C-alpha atoms as a PDB file:
ATOM      1  CA  MET A   1      -5.720  15.983 -20.203  1.00  0.00           C
ATOM      2  CA  PRO A   2      -3.746  12.701 -20.092  1.00  0.00           C
ATOM      3  CA  LYS A   3      -5.161   9.653 -18.375  1.00  0.00           C
ATOM      4  CA  LEU A   4      -4.074   9.131 -14.773  1.00  0.00           C
ATOM      5  CA  SER A   5      -3.298   5.959 -12.881  1.00  0.00           C
ATOM      6  CA  ILE A   6      -5.412   5.090  -9.853  1.00  0.00           C
ATOM      7  CA  SER A   7      -2.711   6.251  -7.423  1.00  0.00           C
ATOM      8  CA  GLU A   8      -2.265   9.583  -9.257  1.00  0.00           C
ATOM      9  CA  ALA A   9      -6.025  10.218  -9.384  1.00  0.00           C
ATOM     10  CA  ALA A  10      -6.463   9.298  -5.711  1.00  0.00           C
ATOM     11  CA  TYR A  11      -3.636  11.643  -4.678  1.00  0.00           C
ATOM     12  CA  LEU A  12      -5.030  14.591  -6.610  1.00  0.00           C
ATOM     13  CA  LEU A  13      -8.548  14.016  -5.232  1.00  0.00           C
ATOM     14  CA  GLY A  14      -7.302  13.581  -1.654  1.00  0.00           C
ATOM     15  CA  VAL A  15      -8.789  10.097  -1.165  1.00  0.00           C
ATOM     16  CA  SER A  16      -7.463   6.559  -0.947  1.00  0.00           C
ATOM     17  CA  THR A  17      -7.239   4.165  -3.889  1.00  0.00           C
ATOM     18  CA  ASP A  18      -9.795   1.939  -2.124  1.00  0.00           C
ATOM     19  CA  THR A  19     -12.243   4.860  -2.068  1.00  0.00           C
ATOM     20  CA  LEU A  20     -11.689   5.431  -5.787  1.00  0.00           C
ATOM     21  CA  ARG A  21     -12.391   1.747  -6.496  1.00  0.00           C
ATOM     22  CA  ARG A  22     -15.531   1.943  -4.341  1.00  0.00           C
ATOM     23  CA  TRP A  23     -16.797   5.002  -6.222  1.00  0.00           C
ATOM     24  CA  GLU A  24     -16.310   3.170  -9.488  1.00  0.00           C
ATOM     25  CA  LYS A  25     -18.149   0.095  -8.199  1.00  0.00           C
ATOM     26  CA  GLU A  26     -21.030   2.327  -7.054  1.00  0.00           C
ATOM     27  CA  GLY A  27     -21.187   3.958 -10.484  1.00  0.00           C
ATOM     28  CA  LYS A  28     -20.082   7.403  -9.249  1.00  0.00           C
ATOM     29  CA  ILE A  29     -17.079   7.528 -11.570  1.00  0.00           C
ATOM     30  CA  THR A  30     -15.802   5.577 -14.577  1.00  0.00           C
ATOM     31  CA  SER A  31     -12.396   4.503 -15.834  1.00  0.00           C
ATOM     32  CA  SER A  32     -10.862   2.998 -18.918  1.00  0.00           C
ATOM     33  CA  ARG A  33      -8.425   0.082 -18.953  1.00  0.00           C
ATOM     34  CA  THR A  34      -5.014  -0.372 -20.492  1.00  0.00           C
ATOM     35  CA  GLU A  35      -4.120  -3.475 -22.455  1.00  0.00           C
ATOM     36  CA  GLY A  36      -2.617  -4.799 -19.248  1.00  0.00           C
ATOM     37  CA  GLY A  37      -5.887  -4.271 -17.370  1.00  0.00           C
ATOM     38  CA  HIS A  38      -4.805  -1.229 -15.327  1.00  0.00           C
ATOM     39  CA  ARG A  39      -7.315   1.539 -14.551  1.00  0.00           C
ATOM     40  CA  ARG A  40      -6.904   4.942 -16.172  1.00  0.00           C
ATOM     41  CA  TYR A  41      -8.938   8.019 -15.139  1.00  0.00           C
ATOM     42  CA  ASP A  42      -9.898  11.215 -16.925  1.00  0.00           C
ATOM     43  CA  LEU A  43      -9.353  13.755 -14.126  1.00  0.00           C
ATOM     44  CA  THR A  44     -11.564  16.441 -15.728  1.00  0.00           C
ATOM     45  CA  SER A  45     -14.505  14.054 -15.731  1.00  0.00           C
ATOM     46  CA  ILE A  46     -13.829  12.892 -12.161  1.00  0.00           C
ATOM     47  CA  LEU A  47     -13.647  16.441 -10.800  1.00  0.00           C
ATOM     48  CA  LYS A  48     -16.909  17.374 -12.509  1.00  0.00           C
ATOM     49  CA  ASP A  49     -18.687  14.304 -11.125  1.00  0.00           C
ATOM     50  CA  LYS A  50     -17.361  15.016  -7.645  1.00  0.00           C
ATOM     51  CA  GLU A  51     -18.486  18.661  -7.702  1.00  0.00           C
ATOM     52  CA  ASP A  52     -22.010  17.659  -8.747  1.00  0.00           C
ATOM     53  CA  GLU A  53     -22.633  15.057  -6.063  1.00  0.00           C
ATOM     54  CA  GLY A  54     -23.742  15.264  -2.463  1.00  0.00           C
ATOM     55  CA  LEU A  55     -23.321  17.822   0.243  1.00  0.00           C
ATOM     56  CA  THR A  56     -20.319  19.649   1.680  1.00  0.00           C
ATOM     57  CA  ILE A  57     -20.539  19.989   5.475  1.00  0.00           C
ATOM     58  CA  LEU A  58     -18.676  22.840   7.149  1.00  0.00           C
ATOM     59  CA  TYR A  59     -18.162  22.191  10.860  1.00  0.00           C
ATOM     60  CA  PRO A  60     -16.940  25.027  13.129  1.00  0.00           C
ATOM     61  CA  ARG A  61     -16.892  24.670  16.934  1.00  0.00           C
ATOM     62  CA  VAL A  62     -15.857  26.592  20.031  1.00  0.00           C
ATOM     63  CA  SER A  63     -15.903  25.410  23.637  1.00  0.00           C
ATOM     64  CA  THR A  64     -17.671  28.333  25.334  1.00  0.00           C
ATOM     65  CA  ARG A  65     -19.916  31.307  24.539  1.00  0.00           C
ATOM     66  CA  PRO A  66     -17.194  33.892  25.240  1.00  0.00           C
ATOM     67  CA  GLN A  67     -15.474  32.439  22.145  1.00  0.00           C
ATOM     68  CA  LEU A  68     -18.311  33.409  19.785  1.00  0.00           C
ATOM     69  CA  LYS A  69     -16.014  35.773  17.854  1.00  0.00           C
ATOM     70  CA  ASP A  70     -13.745  32.829  17.067  1.00  0.00           C
ATOM     71  CA  LEU A  71     -16.795  30.821  15.983  1.00  0.00           C
ATOM     72  CA  ASP A  72     -17.727  33.605  13.547  1.00  0.00           C
ATOM     73  CA  ARG A  73     -14.121  33.634  12.294  1.00  0.00           C
ATOM     74  CA  GLN A  74     -14.189  29.870  11.670  1.00  0.00           C
ATOM     75  CA  ILE A  75     -17.488  30.140   9.807  1.00  0.00           C
ATOM     76  CA  ALA A  76     -16.116  32.943   7.609  1.00  0.00           C
ATOM     77  CA  VAL A  77     -12.940  30.965   6.843  1.00  0.00           C
ATOM     78  CA  LEU A  78     -14.835  27.764   5.994  1.00  0.00           C
ATOM     79  CA  GLU A  79     -17.465  29.468   3.843  1.00  0.00           C
ATOM     80  CA  THR A  80     -14.872  31.523   1.992  1.00  0.00           C
ATOM     81  CA  TYR A  81     -12.799  28.417   1.300  1.00  0.00           C
ATOM     82  CA  ALA A  82     -15.877  26.577   0.003  1.00  0.00           C
ATOM     83  CA  GLN A  83     -16.705  29.506  -2.260  1.00  0.00           C
ATOM     84  CA  ILE A  84     -13.171  29.580  -3.663  1.00  0.00           C
ATOM     85  CA  LYS A  85     -13.327  25.832  -4.355  1.00  0.00           C
ATOM     86  CA  GLY A  86     -16.681  26.228  -6.092  1.00  0.00           C
ATOM     87  CA  TRP A  87     -18.635  24.011  -3.681  1.00  0.00           C
ATOM     88  CA  LYS A  88     -22.192  25.302  -4.008  1.00  0.00           C
ATOM     89  CA  ASN A  89     -24.169  22.769  -1.973  1.00  0.00           C
ATOM     90  CA  CYS A  90     -22.848  23.553   1.526  1.00  0.00           C
ATOM     91  CA  LEU A  91     -24.306  23.213   5.014  1.00  0.00           C
ATOM     92  CA  THR A  92     -22.723  24.844   8.081  1.00  0.00           C
ATOM     93  CA  LEU A  93     -23.251  22.883  11.309  1.00  0.00           C
ATOM     94  CA  LYS A  94     -21.882  24.868  14.236  1.00  0.00           C
ATOM     95  CA  ASP A  95     -21.496  23.874  17.879  1.00  0.00           C
ATOM     96  CA  ILE A  96     -20.709  25.581  21.171  1.00  0.00           C
ATOM     97  CA  GLY A  97     -19.443  22.918  23.535  1.00  0.00           C
ATOM     98  CA  SER A  98     -16.458  20.962  24.758  1.00  0.00           C
ATOM     99  CA  GLY A  99     -14.439  18.763  22.435  1.00  0.00           C
ATOM    100  CA  VAL A 100     -15.034  15.829  24.801  1.00  0.00           C
ATOM    101  CA  ASN A 101     -18.821  16.227  24.637  1.00  0.00           C
ATOM    102  CA  TYR A 102     -20.337  13.758  22.167  1.00  0.00           C
ATOM    103  CA  ARG A 103     -23.914  15.020  22.550  1.00  0.00           C
ATOM    104  CA  LYS A 104     -23.672  18.311  20.720  1.00  0.00           C
ATOM    105  CA  ARG A 105     -26.521  19.053  18.318  1.00  0.00           C
ATOM    106  CA  GLY A 106     -24.349  19.946  15.343  1.00  0.00           C
ATOM    107  CA  LEU A 107     -22.124  16.884  15.794  1.00  0.00           C
ATOM    108  CA  ASN A 108     -25.128  14.559  16.015  1.00  0.00           C
ATOM    109  CA  LYS A 109     -26.595  16.071  12.836  1.00  0.00           C
ATOM    110  CA  LEU A 110     -23.212  15.653  11.151  1.00  0.00           C
ATOM    111  CA  LEU A 111     -23.046  11.960  12.094  1.00  0.00           C
ATOM    112  CA  SER A 112     -26.606  11.403  10.850  1.00  0.00           C
ATOM    113  CA  LEU A 113     -25.815  12.927   7.456  1.00  0.00           C
ATOM    114  CA  LEU A 114     -22.641  10.852   7.175  1.00  0.00           C
ATOM    115  CA  THR A 115     -24.303   7.534   7.993  1.00  0.00           C
ATOM    116  CA  GLU A 116     -27.278   8.311   5.730  1.00  0.00           C
ATOM    117  CA  GLY A 117     -24.878   8.731   2.827  1.00  0.00           C
ATOM    118  CA  LYS A 118     -25.973  12.328   2.183  1.00  0.00           C
ATOM    119  CA  ALA A 119     -22.576  14.003   2.527  1.00  0.00           C
ATOM    120  CA  THR A 120     -19.722  14.176   0.054  1.00  0.00           C
ATOM    121  CA  ARG A 121     -17.248  16.286   1.978  1.00  0.00           C
ATOM    122  CA  LEU A 122     -16.448  17.373   5.550  1.00  0.00           C
ATOM    123  CA  VAL A 123     -14.421  20.569   6.021  1.00  0.00           C
ATOM    124  CA  LEU A 124     -12.787  21.615   9.315  1.00  0.00           C
ATOM    125  CA  THR A 125     -10.485  24.478  10.238  1.00  0.00           C
ATOM    126  CA  THR A 126      -8.456  22.142  12.491  1.00  0.00           C
ATOM    127  CA  LYS A 127      -8.765  18.508  13.538  1.00  0.00           C
ATOM    128  CA  ASP A 128      -9.572  19.310  17.169  1.00  0.00           C
ATOM    129  CA  ARG A 129     -12.633  21.350  16.160  1.00  0.00           C
ATOM    130  CA  LEU A 130     -14.351  18.001  15.582  1.00  0.00           C
ATOM    131  CA  LEU A 131     -13.539  16.140  18.813  1.00  0.00           C
ATOM    132  CA  ARG A 132     -10.673  15.957  21.278  1.00  0.00           C
ATOM    133  CA  PHE A 133     -11.044  12.169  21.415  1.00  0.00           C
ATOM    134  CA  GLY A 134     -12.773  10.061  18.790  1.00  0.00           C
ATOM    135  CA  SER A 135     -12.060  12.169  15.719  1.00  0.00           C
ATOM    136  CA  GLU A 136     -10.301   9.213  14.070  1.00  0.00           C
ATOM    137  CA  LEU A 137     -13.498   7.174  14.451  1.00  0.00           C
ATOM    138  CA  VAL A 138     -15.460   9.906  12.655  1.00  0.00           C
ATOM    139  CA  PHE A 139     -12.808   9.971   9.930  1.00  0.00           C
ATOM    140  CA  SER A 140     -13.191   6.184   9.585  1.00  0.00           C
ATOM    141  CA  ILE A 141     -16.937   6.684   9.106  1.00  0.00           C
ATOM    142  CA  CYS A 142     -16.126   9.241   6.417  1.00  0.00           C
ATOM    143  CA  GLU A 143     -13.863   6.731   4.692  1.00  0.00           C
ATOM    144  CA  LEU A 144     -16.552   4.039   4.892  1.00  0.00           C
ATOM    145  CA  TYR A 145     -19.115   6.317   3.233  1.00  0.00           C
ATOM    146  CA  SER A 146     -16.665   7.794   0.704  1.00  0.00           C
ATOM    147  CA  VAL A 147     -16.709  11.245   2.306  1.00  0.00           C
ATOM    148  CA  GLU A 148     -13.701  13.457   1.646  1.00  0.00           C
ATOM    149  CA  VAL A 149     -12.210  15.112   4.756  1.00  0.00           C
ATOM    150  CA  VAL A 150     -10.580  18.518   4.315  1.00  0.00           C
ATOM    151  CA  ILE A 151      -8.615  20.027   7.234  1.00  0.00           C
ATOM    152  CA  LEU A 152      -7.451  23.549   6.489  1.00  0.00           C
ATOM    153  CA  ASN A 153      -4.819  23.840   9.244  1.00  0.00           C
ATOM    154  CA  LYS A 154      -3.140  20.558  10.149  1.00  0.00           C
ATOM    155  CA  ASP A 155      -0.586  22.111  12.545  1.00  0.00           C
ATOM    156  CA  PRO A 156       2.341  19.865  11.489  1.00  0.00           C
ATOM    157  CA  ASP A 157       4.621  21.425  14.115  1.00  0.00           C
ATOM    158  CA  SER A 158       2.556  20.212  17.076  1.00  0.00           C
ATOM    159  CA  SER A 159       4.345  17.365  18.884  1.00  0.00           C
ATOM    160  CA  PRO A 160       2.559  14.332  20.428  1.00  0.00           C
ATOM    161  CA  GLU A 161       3.462  15.653  23.891  1.00  0.00           C
ATOM    162  CA  GLU A 162       1.846  19.029  23.137  1.00  0.00           C
ATOM    163  CA  GLU A 163      -1.269  17.326  21.822  1.00  0.00           C
ATOM    164  CA  LEU A 164      -1.473  15.204  24.997  1.00  0.00           C
ATOM    165  CA  VAL A 165      -1.216  18.288  27.209  1.00  0.00           C
ATOM    166  CA  LYS A 166      -4.011  19.967  25.218  1.00  0.00           C
ATOM    167  CA  ASP A 167      -6.224  16.898  25.648  1.00  0.00           C
ATOM    168  CA  VAL A 168      -5.609  16.697  29.395  1.00  0.00           C
ATOM    169  CA  LEU A 169      -6.271  20.423  29.805  1.00  0.00           C
ATOM    170  CA  GLU A 170      -9.541  20.046  27.917  1.00  0.00           C
ATOM    171  CA  ILE A 171     -10.689  17.234  30.218  1.00  0.00           C
ATOM    172  CA  ILE A 172      -9.723  19.101  33.371  1.00  0.00           C
ATOM    173  CA  THR A 173     -11.480  22.240  32.132  1.00  0.00           C
ATOM    174  CA  VAL A 174     -14.701  20.303  31.540  1.00  0.00           C
ATOM    175  CA  PHE A 175     -14.669  18.677  34.948  1.00  0.00           C
ATOM    176  CA  SER A 176     -13.696  21.962  36.580  1.00  0.00           C
ATOM    177  CA  ALA A 177     -16.784  23.613  35.093  1.00  0.00           C
ATOM    178  CA  LYS A 178     -19.006  20.788  36.281  1.00  0.00           C
ATOM    179  CA  LEU A 179     -17.577  20.875  39.784  1.00  0.00           C
ATOM    180  CA  HIS A 180     -17.915  24.644  39.897  1.00  0.00           C
ATOM    181  CA  SER A 181     -21.601  24.363  39.046  1.00  0.00           C
ATOM    182  CA  MET A 182     -21.918  22.005  42.010  1.00  0.00           C
ATOM    183  CA  ARG A 183     -20.181  24.652  44.171  1.00  0.00           C
ATOM    184  CA  SER A 184     -17.506  22.257  45.308  1.00  0.00           C
ATOM    185  CA  ARG A 185     -14.882  24.858  46.182  1.00  0.00           C
ATOM    186  CA  LYS A 186     -12.379  22.341  47.463  1.00  0.00           C
ATOM    187  CA  ASN A 187     -12.375  20.267  44.278  1.00  0.00           C
ATOM    188  CA  VAL A 188     -12.238  23.362  42.088  1.00  0.00           C
ATOM    189  CA  ALA A 189      -9.184  24.587  44.001  1.00  0.00           C
ATOM    190  CA  GLU A 190      -7.473  21.220  43.485  1.00  0.00           C
ATOM    191  CA  LEU A 191      -8.238  21.243  39.779  1.00  0.00           C
ATOM    192  CA  GLN A 192      -6.976  24.797  39.427  1.00  0.00           C
ATOM    193  CA  GLU A 193      -3.727  23.679  41.057  1.00  0.00           C
ATOM    194  CA  ASN A 194      -3.487  20.812  38.543  1.00  0.00           C
ATOM    195  CA  LEU A 195      -4.054  23.272  35.713  1.00  0.00           C
ATOM    196  CA  LYS A 196      -1.204  25.398  37.033  1.00  0.00           C
ATOM    197  CA  LYS A 197       1.126  22.379  37.149  1.00  0.00           C
ATOM    198  CA  LEU A 198       0.223  21.340  33.613  1.00  0.00           C
ATOM    199  CA  ALA A 199       0.816  24.883  32.380  1.00  0.00           C
ATOM    200  CA  GLU A 200       4.295  24.757  33.937  1.00  0.00           C
ATOM    201  CA  LEU A 201       4.966  21.457  32.124  1.00  0.00           C
ATOM    202  CA  GLU A 202       4.066  23.100  28.822  1.00  0.00           C
ATOM    203  CA  GLN A 203       6.780  25.734  29.245  1.00  0.00           C
END
């Protein structure tokens, strides 16, 4: 296989050129140099090194227990994808809880593995399975620790306005559940009315 430039190798591996340089500095990969001093990578060697290192974390999540069938579907999709890619060292960390809840057990375990440098790859079905707010911060942590992020369904057709409505609905749903548990019928009724208005805006 011909030697690849740093930008070509980074593109094919799905990481940034800075990450590739960091891996080389840490001794995870090697490169040769041209007469002009430019890096050249043997992709076969890089792919082998990357498959042999670290842990692949599969993270499925649903908001409520009635969605357990969807949780099982996510797990099946993630594990099948990992099998197809040949990732043998995989750990599935699942959560049942809101996307605005930062105290979920699976998420906390995920963050611990990332910051301890034990993970190589994070795989999600969709971006919002991680968090409604704060996912970019987690992705920055992944970048800092040279962890590859794989999102199977990126939903390119979703507009910023649609994403905002989804986020607001998520927040209102969480607070509605909390108010309901406090048996505040008046506040629940108001929130249900807000939900109805937001649903009309979506149309």
